[in-house]
């Protein structure tokens, strides 16, 4: 996650600008093995702010479970994502 933050201009306020790089792509390419690691890192406060948000985006990309499209649920923070993610059992929606 640190490399992702380093490769994108700190002036960008759009988190989606941070996902277009090889580091993010490498995390997503790890597939489902990365999901429990990202969840644990978030739960142990190793990911906060932008890095936590990016982990949520990565989980959506890995699992193909888009909370907004699949469950009509909107989230704007990592905290909201992880709460909705757990409540709606998206992890079972493996590709």
Protein backbone atom coordinates (compact mmCIF):
# COMPACT_ATOMS: atom_id res chain seq x y z
CA UNK A 1 0.00 0.00 0.00
CA UNK A 2 2.85 2.37 0.75
CA UNK A 3 4.17 2.04 -2.81
CA UNK A 4 0.74 2.87 -4.20
CA UNK A 5 0.66 6.07 -2.19
CA UNK A 6 4.20 6.95 -3.27
CA UNK A 7 3.47 6.59 -6.99
CA UNK A 8 0.51 8.96 -7.14
CA UNK A 9 0.58 12.70 -6.62
CA UNK A 10 -0.30 13.58 -3.05
CA UNK A 11 -2.30 16.44 -4.49
CA UNK A 12 -4.93 14.06 -5.83
CA UNK A 13 -8.07 13.93 -3.71
CA UNK A 14 -9.66 11.19 -5.82
CA UNK A 15 -8.80 7.73 -4.44
CA UNK A 16 -9.49 6.17 -7.83
CA UNK A 17 -6.42 7.98 -9.19
CA UNK A 18 -4.33 5.72 -6.97
CA UNK A 19 -5.42 2.40 -8.49
CA UNK A 20 -3.82 2.84 -11.90
CA UNK A 21 -0.37 1.49 -11.14
CA UNK A 22 1.50 -1.78 -11.01
CA UNK A 23 1.45 -1.98 -7.20
CA UNK A 24 -2.33 -1.92 -6.98
CA UNK A 25 -2.56 -4.34 -9.89
CA UNK A 26 -0.15 -6.71 -8.10
CA UNK A 27 -2.35 -6.75 -5.01
CA UNK A 28 -5.44 -7.51 -7.08
CA UNK A 29 -3.53 -10.18 -9.02
CA UNK A 30 -2.93 -12.06 -5.76
CA UNK A 31 -6.61 -12.93 -5.92
CA UNK A 32 -8.66 -14.28 -3.06
CA UNK A 33 -5.56 -15.00 -0.96
CA UNK A 34 -5.16 -11.24 -0.52
CA UNK A 35 -8.67 -10.64 0.86
CA UNK A 36 -8.19 -12.04 4.39
CA UNK A 37 -4.81 -10.32 4.60
CA UNK A 38 -6.33 -6.96 3.68
CA UNK A 39 -9.20 -7.52 6.11
CA UNK A 40 -6.80 -8.37 8.93
CA UNK A 41 -4.56 -5.39 8.18
CA UNK A 42 -7.61 -3.13 8.33
CA UNK A 43 -8.92 -4.69 11.55
CA UNK A 44 -5.52 -4.28 13.20
CA UNK A 45 -5.37 -0.60 12.16
CA UNK A 46 -2.42 -1.18 9.84
CA UNK A 47 -4.48 0.46 7.09
CA UNK A 48 -6.07 3.82 7.75
CA UNK A 49 -7.36 6.70 5.69
CA UNK A 50 -6.48 6.42 2.01
CA UNK A 51 -4.71 3.06 2.33
CA UNK A 52 -7.81 1.58 4.02
CA UNK A 53 -10.00 2.96 1.23
CA UNK A 54 -7.67 1.47 -1.38
CA UNK A 55 -7.86 -1.89 0.38
CA UNK A 56 -11.66 -1.75 0.08
CA UNK A 57 -11.39 -1.03 -3.64
CA UNK A 58 -8.95 -3.91 -4.04
CA UNK A 59 -11.31 -6.30 -2.26
CA UNK A 60 -14.13 -5.27 -4.58
CA UNK A 61 -11.90 -5.78 -7.60
CA UNK A 62 -10.66 -9.16 -6.39
CA UNK A 63 -14.04 -10.59 -5.45
CA UNK A 64 -16.18 -8.90 -8.05
CA UNK A 65 -18.63 -8.00 -5.30
CA UNK A 66 -19.59 -4.39 -5.85
CA UNK A 67 -21.74 -3.39 -2.88
CA UNK A 68 -23.44 -0.59 -4.79
CA UNK A 69 -24.25 -2.59 -7.91
CA UNK A 70 -24.90 -5.97 -6.29
CA UNK A 71 -26.69 -4.90 -3.10
CA UNK A 72 -27.72 -1.28 -3.74
CA UNK A 73 -25.48 -0.21 -0.86
CA UNK A 74 -23.38 2.92 -1.01
CA UNK A 75 -20.21 3.53 0.97
CA UNK A 76 -17.90 6.51 1.07
CA UNK A 77 -15.38 5.45 3.72
CA UNK A 78 -13.41 2.29 4.39
CA UNK A 79 -15.22 1.96 7.69
CA UNK A 80 -18.57 1.89 5.90
CA UNK A 81 -17.24 -0.56 3.32
CA UNK A 82 -15.92 -3.07 5.85
CA UNK A 83 -19.12 -2.90 7.91
CA UNK A 84 -21.33 -3.45 4.85
CA UNK A 85 -18.93 -6.07 3.49
CA UNK A 86 -19.26 -8.12 6.65
CA UNK A 87 -23.02 -7.64 7.01
CA UNK A 88 -23.74 -8.72 3.44
CA UNK A 89 -21.46 -11.74 3.20
CA UNK A 90 -19.89 -10.65 -0.04
CA UNK A 91 -16.85 -12.84 0.45
CA UNK A 92 -18.96 -15.84 -0.59
CA UNK A 93 -19.44 -14.28 -4.03
CA UNK A 94 -16.17 -15.68 -5.37
CA UNK A 95 -15.48 -15.42 -9.09
